[in-house]
Protein backbone atom coordinates (compact mmCIF):
# COMPACT_ATOMS: atom_id res chain seq x y z
CA MET A 1 101.22 79.80 136.63
CA ASN A 2 97.65 80.81 138.07
CA ASN A 3 94.67 81.37 135.54
CA GLN A 4 95.05 85.07 135.61
CA THR A 5 98.61 85.00 134.63
CA MET A 6 97.88 82.70 131.88
CA ILE A 7 95.11 85.01 130.80
CA ARG A 8 97.38 88.08 130.71
CA SER A 9 100.21 86.33 128.92
CA ALA A 10 97.53 85.31 126.43
CA PHE A 11 95.91 88.80 125.80
CA ILE A 12 99.94 90.21 125.50
CA GLY A 13 100.37 87.67 122.91
CA LEU A 14 97.37 88.68 121.03
CA LEU A 15 97.90 92.22 121.02
CA ALA A 16 101.45 91.80 119.74
CA VAL A 17 100.51 89.22 116.84
CA THR A 18 97.70 92.17 115.99
CA ALA A 19 100.02 95.07 116.07
CA LEU A 20 102.59 92.90 113.76
CA THR A 21 99.88 92.16 111.32
CA ALA A 22 98.61 95.57 111.09
CA THR A 23 102.15 96.80 110.58
CA THR A 24 102.88 94.46 108.20
CA THR A 25 99.62 94.91 106.14
CA ALA A 26 100.08 98.63 106.18
CA ALA A 27 103.72 98.36 104.76
CA ALA A 28 102.25 95.85 102.06
CA ALA A 29 99.54 98.42 100.90
CA ASP A 30 102.48 100.92 100.68
CA ASP A 31 103.93 98.98 98.09
CA LYS A 32 100.99 98.69 95.88
CA GLU A 33 99.18 100.75 93.60
CA LYS A 34 95.65 100.51 91.79
CA CYS A 35 95.93 99.52 88.39
CA TYR A 36 92.83 99.65 85.62
CA GLY A 37 92.89 97.18 82.67
CA VAL A 38 94.86 94.44 83.92
CA SER A 39 92.73 91.94 86.29
CA LYS A 40 91.51 88.88 84.84
CA ALA A 41 87.50 87.87 84.81
CA GLY A 42 86.30 87.41 88.40
CA LYS A 43 89.92 88.67 89.76
CA ASN A 44 89.39 92.33 90.22
CA ASP A 45 90.01 93.75 93.68
CA CYS A 46 86.91 96.02 94.40
CA ALA A 47 84.35 97.97 92.47
CA ASN A 48 84.94 99.24 89.21
CA GLY A 49 84.98 102.99 87.53
CA SER A 50 81.64 102.82 85.81
CA GLY A 51 79.88 101.33 89.13
CA THR A 52 78.40 98.48 87.13
CA HIS A 53 79.35 96.42 89.99
CA SER A 54 80.55 97.16 93.68
CA CYS A 55 82.75 94.22 94.81
CA ALA A 56 85.84 92.42 94.48
CA GLY A 57 85.63 89.26 92.05
CA GLN A 58 82.84 90.49 89.88
CA SER A 59 84.54 91.48 86.76
CA LYS A 60 83.04 89.63 83.69
CA VAL A 61 85.78 89.90 81.08
CA ASP A 62 89.45 90.16 81.02
CA ASN A 63 91.32 93.30 81.25
CA SER A 64 88.24 95.34 81.41
CA PRO A 65 89.58 99.30 81.42
CA ASP A 66 86.96 99.85 84.29
CA ASP A 67 88.42 97.24 86.73
CA TRP A 68 91.26 97.54 88.92
CA LYS A 69 93.59 95.07 90.91
CA LEU A 70 96.51 96.10 93.02
CA VAL A 71 99.85 95.93 91.85
CA ALA A 72 103.46 96.13 92.70
CA LYS A 73 104.39 99.71 92.60
CA GLY A 74 105.97 100.69 89.27
CA SER A 75 104.53 97.59 87.43
CA CYS A 76 101.17 98.84 86.31
CA GLU A 77 102.10 100.73 82.87
CA GLN A 78 104.76 98.00 82.41
CA MET A 79 101.73 95.35 82.22
CA GLY A 80 99.63 97.59 80.07
CA GLY A 81 97.43 99.04 82.48
CA LYS A 82 96.70 102.53 83.50
CA MET A 83 96.71 104.31 86.71
CA ALA A 84 93.67 106.05 86.62
CA ALA A 85 90.00 105.15 85.70
CA PRO A 86 88.80 105.49 82.17
CA LYS A 87 86.94 108.78 81.96
CA LYS A 88 83.14 108.72 81.76
């Protein structure tokens, strides 16, 4: 096999893996929903509703009603969480 053929094969393989990963990630996101009030301290997924922090893992207390994490669809309220951020 010459170098050009090996490079093409590697590139095609990389494209296939990237496409598969993107499809799998999108499908996984479809099976999740944002749930407020169920994350443990330091385990939230992103910024909170009140804007006191702007990144994942910055919650200071367990089950803060402002902090959210992604959970399996249909499980949020069973876990004691809310589907919407608390009103300001």
